[in-house]
Amino acid sequence: MAQPRLLILGAPGAGKGTQSAKITEEFDIDHITTGDALRSNKGMDISEMETEYDTPGEYMDQGELVPDDVVNAIVDEALSQADGFVLDGYPRNLEQAEELEGMTDLDAALYLDVSDDELVHRLTGRRLDPETGDIYHVEYNPPEDPEVEARLEQRDDDTEATVNERLRVFKENTEPVIDHYDDEGLLERVDGEQAPEEVWEELRTTIENAT
C-alpha cells in the first residue's frame, strides 16, 4: 500500500492529536502541523514575497500572525519533503483549502465528528498539573495521587465561555472546508464520540479503504 496522504479535521477537543499520533505510527508517515512547520522553517527566506519581514521567525518573535501566503509556502515545503503525511491544523479556511489543491492530491479528508455538548464537556473538564505540565480530565483521566489532584488547575482557554468562542470560530472558518471536501467526495466522517480505541479502529479501516 502506498503511503497515504491524509488531512484530519475536527473541532478543538475532537481528538485530532491523539489519533494523528496513531496514524503516523501505524502507516509510517509524517505528522505535519502548522505550528511544527512554522517552527521548523523559522529561518526560511521569504524576502521575494514582499512581506513585512524576511523570515517567518520574525513574525513569530514579534508575536504577530504569520500571513496566509507565508503559511501556504511553508506547508507546501513541508509536504514536498514527505512521502506520506497526515496534515493537521491546515487548511483553516476555504482559501487555504483551495491553495492545498495546488500542492498535493489527498487520499482522504478525515473528519472526527463530535457534538458541541461533548466537546464542551471534554474541554471544560481538562485540568493542568502546573508542576509537570501533564493534562488530566476530571472524569475521563483523573490523577491517582491526591496531591496531584489538589494542585490541578483549569487553563484559561478551557473555561466554558472560551471553549464556546473557540467552537464558534471553528464553525465559522472550518465548516466551509468540511463542506468543500464533502462536495469533492474526499470527506470521511468518523464518529469521534466513541472510545479512543474504537475511533482508531474506524479510522484505520477508513484509511486502508481509501488508499
N, C-alpha and C. Protein backbone atom coordinates (compact mmCIF):
# COMPACT_ATOMS: atom_id res chain seq x y z
N MET A 1 0.83 -1.20 0.00
CA MET A 1 0.00 0.00 0.00
C MET A 1 0.87 1.25 0.00
N ALA A 2 0.55 2.17 -0.89
CA ALA A 2 1.30 3.43 -0.93
C ALA A 2 1.09 4.20 0.36
N GLN A 3 2.08 5.01 0.73
CA GLN A 3 1.93 5.80 1.94
C GLN A 3 0.81 6.83 1.75
N PRO A 4 -0.16 6.84 2.65
CA PRO A 4 -1.33 7.70 2.45
C PRO A 4 -1.03 9.18 2.65
N ARG A 5 -1.80 10.00 1.95
CA ARG A 5 -1.73 11.46 2.07
C ARG A 5 -3.08 11.91 2.63
N LEU A 6 -3.07 12.29 3.89
CA LEU A 6 -4.32 12.48 4.63
C LEU A 6 -4.42 13.87 5.24
N LEU A 7 -5.65 14.29 5.39
CA LEU A 7 -5.96 15.50 6.13
C LEU A 7 -6.87 15.09 7.27
N ILE A 8 -6.62 15.59 8.49
CA ILE A 8 -7.50 15.30 9.61
C ILE A 8 -8.15 16.59 10.07
N LEU A 9 -9.48 16.55 10.21
CA LEU A 9 -10.27 17.71 10.57
C LEU A 9 -11.09 17.40 11.82
N GLY A 10 -11.34 18.44 12.61
CA GLY A 10 -12.17 18.27 13.79
C GLY A 10 -12.05 19.50 14.67
N ALA A 11 -13.08 19.74 15.44
CA ALA A 11 -13.10 20.90 16.33
C ALA A 11 -12.11 20.71 17.48
N PRO A 12 -11.79 21.78 18.20
CA PRO A 12 -10.95 21.63 19.40
C PRO A 12 -11.58 20.61 20.35
N GLY A 13 -10.76 19.65 20.80
CA GLY A 13 -11.26 18.63 21.70
C GLY A 13 -11.76 17.37 21.00
N ALA A 14 -11.70 17.34 19.68
CA ALA A 14 -12.22 16.17 18.94
C ALA A 14 -11.27 14.98 19.00
N GLY A 15 -10.00 15.22 19.33
CA GLY A 15 -9.05 14.12 19.43
C GLY A 15 -8.08 14.00 18.28
N LYS A 16 -7.88 15.10 17.53
CA LYS A 16 -7.01 15.04 16.35
C LYS A 16 -5.58 14.66 16.71
N GLY A 17 -5.06 15.23 17.79
CA GLY A 17 -3.68 14.96 18.17
C GLY A 17 -3.47 13.50 18.54
N THR A 18 -4.37 12.97 19.35
CA THR A 18 -4.28 11.57 19.78
C THR A 18 -4.33 10.63 18.58
N GLN A 19 -5.28 10.85 17.69
CA GLN A 19 -5.45 9.95 16.55
C GLN A 19 -4.36 10.14 15.50
N SER A 20 -3.88 11.38 15.34
CA SER A 20 -2.79 11.62 14.39
C SER A 20 -1.54 10.85 14.79
N ALA A 21 -1.27 10.78 16.09
CA ALA A 21 -0.09 10.04 16.57
C ALA A 21 -0.21 8.56 16.21
N LYS A 22 -1.41 8.00 16.33
CA LYS A 22 -1.62 6.60 15.98
C LYS A 22 -1.47 6.39 14.47
N ILE A 23 -2.00 7.34 13.70
CA ILE A 23 -1.91 7.22 12.24
C ILE A 23 -0.46 7.24 11.77
N THR A 24 0.32 8.19 12.31
CA THR A 24 1.72 8.30 11.86
C THR A 24 2.52 7.06 12.21
N GLU A 25 2.23 6.47 13.37
CA GLU A 25 2.96 5.26 13.78
C GLU A 25 2.54 4.06 12.94
N GLU A 26 1.24 3.88 12.75
CA GLU A 26 0.73 2.72 12.03
C GLU A 26 1.15 2.72 10.57
N PHE A 27 1.11 3.89 9.92
CA PHE A 27 1.34 3.96 8.48
C PHE A 27 2.71 4.53 8.11
N ASP A 28 3.52 4.84 9.14
CA ASP A 28 4.89 5.33 8.93
C ASP A 28 4.92 6.55 8.02
N ILE A 29 4.12 7.56 8.40
CA ILE A 29 4.05 8.80 7.64
C ILE A 29 4.32 9.98 8.57
N ASP A 30 4.50 11.15 8.00
CA ASP A 30 4.80 12.35 8.78
C ASP A 30 3.51 12.97 9.33
N HIS A 31 3.60 13.51 10.54
CA HIS A 31 2.52 14.31 11.11
C HIS A 31 2.91 15.77 10.90
N ILE A 32 2.20 16.44 10.01
CA ILE A 32 2.53 17.83 9.67
C ILE A 32 1.49 18.75 10.29
N THR A 33 1.92 19.55 11.25
CA THR A 33 1.05 20.57 11.84
C THR A 33 1.57 21.94 11.44
N THR A 34 0.67 22.90 11.40
CA THR A 34 1.08 24.25 11.02
C THR A 34 2.14 24.78 11.98
N GLY A 35 1.91 24.57 13.28
CA GLY A 35 2.86 25.07 14.28
C GLY A 35 4.24 24.47 14.11
N ASP A 36 4.30 23.14 13.94
CA ASP A 36 5.59 22.48 13.77
C ASP A 36 6.28 22.94 12.48
N ALA A 37 5.47 23.08 11.42
CA ALA A 37 6.05 23.51 10.13
C ALA A 37 6.63 24.91 10.24
N LEU A 38 5.92 25.79 10.96
CA LEU A 38 6.44 27.16 11.15
C LEU A 38 7.74 27.15 11.94
N ARG A 39 7.74 26.37 13.04
CA ARG A 39 8.94 26.34 13.88
C ARG A 39 10.13 25.74 13.13
N SER A 40 9.86 24.76 12.26
CA SER A 40 10.94 24.11 11.51
C SER A 40 11.49 25.01 10.41
N ASN A 41 10.70 25.99 10.01
CA ASN A 41 11.10 26.86 8.89
C ASN A 41 11.18 28.33 9.30
N LYS A 42 11.54 28.57 10.58
CA LYS A 42 11.60 29.95 11.07
C LYS A 42 12.54 30.82 10.24
N GLY A 43 13.61 30.20 9.75
CA GLY A 43 14.60 30.98 9.01
C GLY A 43 14.40 30.99 7.50
N MET A 44 13.29 30.47 7.03
CA MET A 44 13.02 30.39 5.58
C MET A 44 13.03 31.78 4.96
N ASP A 45 13.73 31.92 3.85
CA ASP A 45 13.84 33.22 3.16
C ASP A 45 12.54 33.49 2.38
N ILE A 46 11.80 34.49 2.85
CA ILE A 46 10.54 34.85 2.16
C ILE A 46 10.63 36.29 1.62
N SER A 47 11.85 36.78 1.44
CA SER A 47 12.04 38.17 1.02
C SER A 47 11.41 38.45 -0.34
N GLU A 48 11.36 37.41 -1.21
CA GLU A 48 10.79 37.64 -2.55
C GLU A 48 9.27 37.81 -2.50
N MET A 49 8.65 37.53 -1.34
CA MET A 49 7.19 37.62 -1.23
C MET A 49 6.73 39.04 -0.87
N GLU A 50 7.68 39.94 -0.69
CA GLU A 50 7.39 41.34 -0.39
C GLU A 50 6.51 41.48 0.86
N THR A 51 6.85 40.68 1.89
CA THR A 51 6.15 40.75 3.17
C THR A 51 6.89 41.71 4.09
N GLU A 52 6.28 41.97 5.24
CA GLU A 52 6.88 42.94 6.18
C GLU A 52 8.23 42.47 6.68
N TYR A 53 8.36 41.17 6.90
CA TYR A 53 9.62 40.60 7.39
C TYR A 53 10.17 39.62 6.36
N ASP A 54 11.45 39.28 6.51
CA ASP A 54 12.11 38.41 5.53
C ASP A 54 12.10 36.94 5.92
N THR A 55 11.68 36.62 7.16
CA THR A 55 11.58 35.22 7.59
C THR A 55 10.32 35.06 8.44
N PRO A 56 9.75 33.85 8.48
CA PRO A 56 8.60 33.61 9.35
C PRO A 56 8.93 33.84 10.82
N GLY A 57 10.17 33.53 11.20
CA GLY A 57 10.57 33.68 12.60
C GLY A 57 10.43 35.09 13.11
N GLU A 58 10.61 36.07 12.24
CA GLU A 58 10.48 37.46 12.68
C GLU A 58 9.04 37.79 13.06
N TYR A 59 8.08 37.24 12.33
CA TYR A 59 6.67 37.41 12.73
C TYR A 59 6.43 36.78 14.09
N MET A 60 6.95 35.56 14.26
CA MET A 60 6.73 34.83 15.49
C MET A 60 7.39 35.54 16.68
N ASP A 61 8.60 36.06 16.46
CA ASP A 61 9.31 36.76 17.53
C ASP A 61 8.58 38.03 17.97
N GLN A 62 7.87 38.64 17.03
CA GLN A 62 7.13 39.86 17.33
C GLN A 62 5.72 39.55 17.88
N GLY A 63 5.38 38.27 17.93
CA GLY A 63 4.05 37.88 18.39
C GLY A 63 2.95 38.21 17.41
N GLU A 64 3.32 38.33 16.12
CA GLU A 64 2.34 38.68 15.09
C GLU A 64 1.91 37.43 14.33
N LEU A 65 0.69 37.45 13.79
CA LEU A 65 0.21 36.35 12.97
C LEU A 65 1.02 36.27 11.67
N VAL A 66 1.42 35.06 11.33
CA VAL A 66 2.13 34.86 10.07
C VAL A 66 1.10 34.93 8.94
N PRO A 67 1.34 35.75 7.90
CA PRO A 67 0.36 35.89 6.81
C PRO A 67 0.05 34.57 6.12
N ASP A 68 -1.16 34.47 5.59
CA ASP A 68 -1.60 33.24 4.92
C ASP A 68 -0.64 32.84 3.81
N ASP A 69 -0.15 33.80 3.03
CA ASP A 69 0.75 33.47 1.92
C ASP A 69 2.00 32.76 2.42
N VAL A 70 2.50 33.20 3.58
CA VAL A 70 3.71 32.59 4.15
C VAL A 70 3.39 31.20 4.68
N VAL A 71 2.26 31.06 5.38
CA VAL A 71 1.84 29.75 5.88
C VAL A 71 1.68 28.77 4.72
N ASN A 72 1.06 29.23 3.64
CA ASN A 72 0.88 28.37 2.47
C ASN A 72 2.23 27.88 1.94
N ALA A 73 3.19 28.78 1.86
CA ALA A 73 4.51 28.41 1.33
C ALA A 73 5.21 27.40 2.24
N ILE A 74 5.04 27.57 3.54
CA ILE A 74 5.70 26.67 4.49
C ILE A 74 5.06 25.29 4.45
N VAL A 75 3.74 25.24 4.38
CA VAL A 75 3.06 23.95 4.28
C VAL A 75 3.45 23.24 2.98
N ASP A 76 3.52 23.99 1.90
CA ASP A 76 3.93 23.43 0.62
C ASP A 76 5.32 22.81 0.72
N GLU A 77 6.24 23.50 1.39
CA GLU A 77 7.60 23.00 1.57
C GLU A 77 7.59 21.72 2.40
N ALA A 78 6.81 21.71 3.48
CA ALA A 78 6.74 20.52 4.35
C ALA A 78 6.17 19.32 3.59
N LEU A 79 5.13 19.56 2.80
CA LEU A 79 4.51 18.47 2.05
C LEU A 79 5.47 17.91 0.99
N SER A 80 6.26 18.80 0.39
CA SER A 80 7.17 18.36 -0.67
C SER A 80 8.26 17.43 -0.15
N GLN A 81 8.51 17.46 1.17
CA GLN A 81 9.55 16.63 1.77
C GLN A 81 9.00 15.34 2.37
N ALA A 82 7.68 15.12 2.25
CA ALA A 82 7.06 13.95 2.87
C ALA A 82 6.53 13.01 1.79
N ASP A 83 6.83 11.70 1.95
CA ASP A 83 6.27 10.70 1.04
C ASP A 83 4.80 10.46 1.35
N GLY A 84 4.49 10.42 2.64
CA GLY A 84 3.11 10.31 3.10
C GLY A 84 2.96 11.18 4.32
N PHE A 85 1.73 11.57 4.63
CA PHE A 85 1.55 12.52 5.73
C PHE A 85 0.12 12.50 6.23
N VAL A 86 -0.05 13.00 7.46
CA VAL A 86 -1.36 13.40 7.95
C VAL A 86 -1.23 14.88 8.32
N LEU A 87 -1.99 15.71 7.64
CA LEU A 87 -1.93 17.16 7.79
C LEU A 87 -2.96 17.58 8.84
N ASP A 88 -2.51 18.34 9.82
CA ASP A 88 -3.33 18.66 10.99
C ASP A 88 -3.22 20.16 11.28
N GLY A 89 -4.37 20.87 11.23
CA GLY A 89 -4.37 22.31 11.53
C GLY A 89 -4.34 23.19 10.30
N TYR A 90 -4.34 22.59 9.15
CA TYR A 90 -4.35 23.30 7.87
C TYR A 90 -5.05 22.39 6.88
N PRO A 91 -5.97 22.91 6.07
CA PRO A 91 -6.39 24.32 5.94
C PRO A 91 -7.41 24.72 7.00
N ARG A 92 -7.34 25.98 7.41
CA ARG A 92 -8.28 26.51 8.40
C ARG A 92 -9.44 27.25 7.75
N ASN A 93 -9.33 27.54 6.47
CA ASN A 93 -10.41 28.24 5.78
C ASN A 93 -10.45 27.78 4.33
N LEU A 94 -11.49 28.22 3.63
CA LEU A 94 -11.70 27.76 2.26
C LEU A 94 -10.59 28.20 1.33
N GLU A 95 -10.04 29.39 1.55
CA GLU A 95 -8.95 29.89 0.71
C GLU A 95 -7.73 28.98 0.83
N GLN A 96 -7.42 28.55 2.05
CA GLN A 96 -6.28 27.65 2.23
C GLN A 96 -6.56 26.28 1.62
N ALA A 97 -7.82 25.84 1.68
CA ALA A 97 -8.18 24.55 1.07
C ALA A 97 -7.93 24.60 -0.43
N GLU A 98 -8.26 25.73 -1.04
CA GLU A 98 -8.03 25.87 -2.48
C GLU A 98 -6.54 25.91 -2.80
N GLU A 99 -5.75 26.54 -1.93
CA GLU A 99 -4.29 26.54 -2.11
C GLU A 99 -3.73 25.12 -2.01
N LEU A 100 -4.27 24.36 -1.06
CA LEU A 100 -3.77 23.00 -0.84
C LEU A 100 -3.95 22.12 -2.08
N GLU A 101 -5.00 22.36 -2.84
CA GLU A 101 -5.25 21.57 -4.04
C GLU A 101 -4.10 21.68 -5.04
N GLY A 102 -3.41 22.83 -5.04
CA GLY A 102 -2.28 23.01 -5.93
C GLY A 102 -0.99 22.42 -5.40
N MET A 103 -1.00 21.97 -4.13
CA MET A 103 0.21 21.43 -3.51
C MET A 103 0.28 19.91 -3.59
N THR A 104 -0.87 19.25 -3.44
CA THR A 104 -0.86 17.79 -3.33
C THR A 104 -2.24 17.25 -3.66
N ASP A 105 -2.29 15.94 -3.90
CA ASP A 105 -3.56 15.22 -4.06
C ASP A 105 -3.80 14.40 -2.80
N LEU A 106 -4.90 14.65 -2.12
CA LEU A 106 -5.22 13.93 -0.90
C LEU A 106 -5.90 12.60 -1.22
N ASP A 107 -5.61 11.61 -0.38
CA ASP A 107 -6.35 10.35 -0.46
C ASP A 107 -7.67 10.44 0.29
N ALA A 108 -7.69 11.19 1.40
CA ALA A 108 -8.91 11.32 2.18
C ALA A 108 -8.80 12.50 3.14
N ALA A 109 -9.94 13.11 3.42
CA ALA A 109 -10.05 14.13 4.48
C ALA A 109 -10.86 13.49 5.60
N LEU A 110 -10.22 13.21 6.71
CA LEU A 110 -10.84 12.51 7.83
C LEU A 110 -11.44 13.51 8.80
N TYR A 111 -12.73 13.41 9.05
CA TYR A 111 -13.41 14.36 9.93
C TYR A 111 -13.88 13.64 11.18
N LEU A 112 -13.32 14.03 12.34
CA LEU A 112 -13.76 13.48 13.62
C LEU A 112 -15.00 14.24 14.08
N ASP A 113 -16.13 13.60 13.97
CA ASP A 113 -17.42 14.24 14.20
C ASP A 113 -17.81 14.08 15.67
N VAL A 114 -17.86 15.21 16.38
CA VAL A 114 -18.19 15.21 17.82
C VAL A 114 -19.17 16.36 18.07
N SER A 115 -20.21 16.09 18.86
CA SER A 115 -21.22 17.11 19.13
C SER A 115 -20.65 18.23 19.99
N ASP A 116 -21.27 19.41 19.89
CA ASP A 116 -20.82 20.55 20.69
C ASP A 116 -20.87 20.24 22.18
N ASP A 117 -21.94 19.59 22.63
CA ASP A 117 -22.08 19.30 24.07
C ASP A 117 -20.92 18.43 24.55
N GLU A 118 -20.54 17.43 23.77
CA GLU A 118 -19.44 16.56 24.17
C GLU A 118 -18.11 17.31 24.13
N LEU A 119 -17.91 18.18 23.14
CA LEU A 119 -16.67 18.96 23.07
C LEU A 119 -16.54 19.87 24.28
N VAL A 120 -17.62 20.53 24.65
CA VAL A 120 -17.60 21.41 25.83
C VAL A 120 -17.28 20.60 27.07
N HIS A 121 -17.89 19.42 27.19
CA HIS A 121 -17.65 18.55 28.35
C HIS A 121 -16.19 18.13 28.42
N ARG A 122 -15.63 17.77 27.28
CA ARG A 122 -14.23 17.34 27.26
C ARG A 122 -13.29 18.47 27.65
N LEU A 123 -13.50 19.62 27.04
CA LEU A 123 -12.54 20.72 27.21
C LEU A 123 -12.66 21.39 28.57
N THR A 124 -13.87 21.59 29.05
CA THR A 124 -14.02 22.25 30.36
C THR A 124 -13.62 21.33 31.50
N GLY A 125 -13.56 20.01 31.23
CA GLY A 125 -13.14 19.07 32.27
C GLY A 125 -11.64 18.84 32.32
N ARG A 126 -10.90 19.44 31.41
CA ARG A 126 -9.44 19.26 31.41
C ARG A 126 -8.81 20.04 32.55
N ARG A 127 -7.77 19.46 33.13
CA ARG A 127 -7.03 20.12 34.20
C ARG A 127 -5.53 19.94 33.97
N LEU A 128 -4.77 20.96 34.32
CA LEU A 128 -3.32 21.00 34.12
C LEU A 128 -2.60 20.86 35.45
N ASP A 129 -1.58 20.00 35.48
CA ASP A 129 -0.67 19.94 36.62
C ASP A 129 0.42 20.97 36.38
N PRO A 130 0.42 22.09 37.13
CA PRO A 130 1.39 23.16 36.84
C PRO A 130 2.84 22.76 37.09
N GLU A 131 3.06 21.70 37.87
CA GLU A 131 4.44 21.28 38.16
C GLU A 131 5.03 20.41 37.06
N THR A 132 4.20 19.58 36.42
CA THR A 132 4.73 18.65 35.42
C THR A 132 4.28 18.98 34.00
N GLY A 133 3.20 19.78 33.87
CA GLY A 133 2.65 20.07 32.56
C GLY A 133 1.72 18.98 32.05
N ASP A 134 1.51 17.93 32.84
CA ASP A 134 0.62 16.84 32.43
C ASP A 134 -0.84 17.32 32.42
N ILE A 135 -1.61 16.77 31.48
CA ILE A 135 -3.02 17.11 31.34
C ILE A 135 -3.87 15.94 31.83
N TYR A 136 -4.86 16.24 32.66
CA TYR A 136 -5.80 15.25 33.15
C TYR A 136 -7.22 15.69 32.79
N HIS A 137 -8.19 14.83 33.11
CA HIS A 137 -9.60 15.17 32.95
C HIS A 137 -10.32 14.73 34.21
N VAL A 138 -11.21 15.58 34.70
CA VAL A 138 -11.87 15.30 35.97
C VAL A 138 -12.68 14.00 35.92
N GLU A 139 -13.16 13.61 34.75
CA GLU A 139 -13.96 12.39 34.63
C GLU A 139 -13.21 11.27 33.92
N TYR A 140 -12.62 11.59 32.75
CA TYR A 140 -12.04 10.54 31.92
C TYR A 140 -10.64 10.11 32.35
N ASN A 141 -9.89 11.02 32.96
CA ASN A 141 -8.50 10.71 33.29
C ASN A 141 -8.05 11.44 34.54
N PRO A 142 -8.67 11.17 35.69
CA PRO A 142 -8.25 11.85 36.93
C PRO A 142 -6.93 11.26 37.44
N PRO A 143 -6.12 12.06 38.13
CA PRO A 143 -4.87 11.52 38.67
C PRO A 143 -5.14 10.58 39.84
N GLU A 144 -4.27 9.59 40.01
CA GLU A 144 -4.42 8.66 41.13
C GLU A 144 -3.89 9.25 42.42
N ASP A 145 -2.94 10.17 42.33
CA ASP A 145 -2.30 10.75 43.52
C ASP A 145 -3.13 11.94 44.02
N PRO A 146 -3.61 11.90 45.26
CA PRO A 146 -4.40 13.01 45.80
C PRO A 146 -3.64 14.34 45.82
N GLU A 147 -2.31 14.27 46.00
CA GLU A 147 -1.52 15.50 46.00
C GLU A 147 -1.53 16.15 44.62
N VAL A 148 -1.45 15.34 43.58
CA VAL A 148 -1.53 15.86 42.22
C VAL A 148 -2.91 16.46 41.99
N GLU A 149 -3.94 15.74 42.39
CA GLU A 149 -5.31 16.22 42.19
C GLU A 149 -5.53 17.57 42.86
N ALA A 150 -4.92 17.77 44.02
CA ALA A 150 -5.12 19.01 44.79
C ALA A 150 -4.52 20.22 44.11
N ARG A 151 -3.48 20.01 43.28
CA ARG A 151 -2.82 21.17 42.67
C ARG A 151 -3.23 21.41 41.22
N LEU A 152 -4.16 20.61 40.71
CA LEU A 152 -4.58 20.78 39.32
C LEU A 152 -5.27 22.12 39.12
N GLU A 153 -5.08 22.68 37.92
CA GLU A 153 -5.67 23.97 37.56
C GLU A 153 -6.39 23.86 36.23
N GLN A 154 -7.43 24.68 36.07
CA GLN A 154 -8.09 24.79 34.77
C GLN A 154 -7.42 25.91 33.98
N ARG A 155 -7.02 25.60 32.75
CA ARG A 155 -6.39 26.62 31.91
C ARG A 155 -7.44 27.65 31.48
N ASP A 156 -6.95 28.86 31.24
CA ASP A 156 -7.86 29.95 30.83
C ASP A 156 -8.63 29.61 29.57
N ASP A 157 -7.99 28.87 28.65
CA ASP A 157 -8.66 28.57 27.38
C ASP A 157 -9.58 27.35 27.47
N ASP A 158 -9.75 26.81 28.69
CA ASP A 158 -10.67 25.69 28.88
C ASP A 158 -11.91 26.07 29.68
N THR A 159 -12.11 27.35 29.94
CA THR A 159 -13.35 27.77 30.59
C THR A 159 -14.50 27.67 29.59
N GLU A 160 -15.72 27.58 30.09
CA GLU A 160 -16.85 27.36 29.19
C GLU A 160 -17.01 28.49 28.18
N ALA A 161 -16.85 29.73 28.63
CA ALA A 161 -17.02 30.87 27.72
C ALA A 161 -15.97 30.83 26.61
N THR A 162 -14.72 30.52 26.98
CA THR A 162 -13.65 30.47 25.98
C THR A 162 -13.84 29.30 25.03
N VAL A 163 -14.25 28.17 25.55
CA VAL A 163 -14.49 26.99 24.72
C VAL A 163 -15.59 27.27 23.70
N ASN A 164 -16.68 27.88 24.14
CA ASN A 164 -17.78 28.19 23.22
C ASN A 164 -17.34 29.15 22.12
N GLU A 165 -16.45 30.10 22.46
CA GLU A 165 -15.95 31.02 21.45
C GLU A 165 -15.04 30.30 20.47
N ARG A 166 -14.21 29.39 20.96
CA ARG A 166 -13.33 28.61 20.07
C ARG A 166 -14.16 27.77 19.10
N LEU A 167 -15.26 27.21 19.60
CA LEU A 167 -16.12 26.40 18.73
C LEU A 167 -16.83 27.28 17.70
N ARG A 168 -17.21 28.48 18.12
CA ARG A 168 -17.85 29.41 17.17
C ARG A 168 -16.90 29.75 16.04
N VAL A 169 -15.65 30.06 16.37
CA VAL A 169 -14.65 30.40 15.36
C VAL A 169 -14.39 29.21 14.45
N PHE A 170 -14.32 28.01 15.03
CA PHE A 170 -14.12 26.81 14.22
C PHE A 170 -15.23 26.65 13.19
N LYS A 171 -16.46 26.79 13.65
CA LYS A 171 -17.59 26.63 12.73
C LYS A 171 -17.56 27.68 11.63
N GLU A 172 -17.26 28.89 12.00
CA GLU A 172 -17.26 29.99 11.02
C GLU A 172 -16.20 29.76 9.95
N ASN A 173 -15.01 29.35 10.37
CA ASN A 173 -13.88 29.24 9.43
C ASN A 173 -13.77 27.87 8.76
N THR A 174 -14.01 26.82 9.52
CA THR A 174 -13.63 25.50 9.05
C THR A 174 -14.80 24.67 8.54
N GLU A 175 -16.02 24.95 8.96
CA GLU A 175 -17.14 24.18 8.42
C GLU A 175 -17.26 24.29 6.89
N PRO A 176 -16.98 25.47 6.29
CA PRO A 176 -16.96 25.51 4.82
C PRO A 176 -15.90 24.58 4.22
N VAL A 177 -14.79 24.36 4.95
CA VAL A 177 -13.75 23.44 4.48
C VAL A 177 -14.30 22.01 4.48
N ILE A 178 -15.02 21.65 5.54
CA ILE A 178 -15.62 20.32 5.64
C ILE A 178 -16.61 20.11 4.48
N ASP A 179 -17.45 21.12 4.25
CA ASP A 179 -18.41 21.02 3.14
C ASP A 179 -17.70 20.89 1.80
N HIS A 180 -16.58 21.60 1.65
CA HIS A 180 -15.80 21.55 0.40
C HIS A 180 -15.32 20.13 0.12
N TYR A 181 -14.73 19.48 1.12
CA TYR A 181 -14.21 18.13 0.91
C TYR A 181 -15.35 17.12 0.75
N ASP A 182 -16.49 17.40 1.37
CA ASP A 182 -17.66 16.55 1.18
C ASP A 182 -18.11 16.62 -0.28
N ASP A 183 -18.16 17.84 -0.82
CA ASP A 183 -18.55 18.03 -2.22
C ASP A 183 -17.56 17.36 -3.18
N GLU A 184 -16.28 17.33 -2.78
CA GLU A 184 -15.24 16.74 -3.63
C GLU A 184 -15.21 15.21 -3.54
N GLY A 185 -16.01 14.66 -2.61
CA GLY A 185 -16.02 13.21 -2.43
C GLY A 185 -14.85 12.67 -1.65
N LEU A 186 -14.12 13.54 -0.95
CA LEU A 186 -12.94 13.12 -0.19
C LEU A 186 -13.21 12.98 1.30
N LEU A 187 -14.34 13.50 1.76
CA LEU A 187 -14.60 13.54 3.20
C LEU A 187 -15.03 12.17 3.72
N GLU A 188 -14.37 11.75 4.81
CA GLU A 188 -14.73 10.52 5.51
C GLU A 188 -15.09 10.89 6.94
N ARG A 189 -16.35 10.76 7.30
CA ARG A 189 -16.80 11.09 8.65
C ARG A 189 -16.57 9.90 9.59
N VAL A 190 -15.97 10.19 10.72
CA VAL A 190 -15.70 9.17 11.74
C VAL A 190 -16.36 9.61 13.03
N ASP A 191 -17.06 8.72 13.69
CA ASP A 191 -17.73 9.04 14.95
C ASP A 191 -16.70 9.25 16.05
N GLY A 192 -16.43 10.53 16.35
CA GLY A 192 -15.42 10.87 17.34
C GLY A 192 -15.88 10.77 18.77
N GLU A 193 -17.13 10.37 19.00
CA GLU A 193 -17.64 10.25 20.37
C GLU A 193 -17.45 8.84 20.93
N GLN A 194 -16.93 7.94 20.12
CA GLN A 194 -16.61 6.61 20.61
C GLN A 194 -15.40 6.67 21.54
N ALA A 195 -15.12 5.57 22.22
CA ALA A 195 -13.89 5.45 22.98
C ALA A 195 -12.71 5.61 22.03
N PRO A 196 -11.58 6.18 22.50
CA PRO A 196 -10.44 6.43 21.60
C PRO A 196 -10.01 5.21 20.79
N GLU A 197 -10.01 4.03 21.38
CA GLU A 197 -9.60 2.83 20.63
C GLU A 197 -10.60 2.50 19.53
N GLU A 198 -11.88 2.74 19.79
CA GLU A 198 -12.89 2.48 18.77
C GLU A 198 -12.78 3.49 17.63
N VAL A 199 -12.49 4.75 17.99
CA VAL A 199 -12.26 5.77 16.96
C VAL A 199 -11.09 5.34 16.08
N TRP A 200 -10.02 4.86 16.73
CA TRP A 200 -8.83 4.45 15.99
C TRP A 200 -9.13 3.30 15.04
N GLU A 201 -9.88 2.30 15.49
CA GLU A 201 -10.20 1.17 14.63
C GLU A 201 -10.98 1.61 13.39
N GLU A 202 -11.94 2.53 13.60
CA GLU A 202 -12.71 3.04 12.47
C GLU A 202 -11.83 3.86 11.53
N LEU A 203 -10.93 4.66 12.10
CA LEU A 203 -10.02 5.45 11.28
C LEU A 203 -9.10 4.56 10.45
N ARG A 204 -8.52 3.55 11.09
CA ARG A 204 -7.58 2.68 10.38
C ARG A 204 -8.25 1.98 9.21
N THR A 205 -9.45 1.48 9.43
CA THR A 205 -10.19 0.82 8.35
C THR A 205 -10.51 1.81 7.22
N THR A 206 -10.90 3.02 7.61
CA THR A 206 -11.23 4.06 6.62
C THR A 206 -10.01 4.38 5.76
N ILE A 207 -8.86 4.53 6.39
CA ILE A 207 -7.63 4.87 5.67
C ILE A 207 -7.23 3.73 4.73
N GLU A 208 -7.32 2.50 5.22
CA GLU A 208 -6.94 1.35 4.39
C GLU A 208 -7.84 1.26 3.16
N ASN A 209 -9.10 1.60 3.33
CA ASN A 209 -10.03 1.53 2.20
C ASN A 209 -9.85 2.68 1.22
N ALA A 210 -9.24 3.78 1.69
CA ALA A 210 -9.09 4.97 0.83
C ALA A 210 -7.80 4.97 0.05
N THR A 211 -6.88 4.06 0.38
CA THR A 211 -5.56 4.09 -0.26
C THR A 211 -5.25 2.78 -0.96
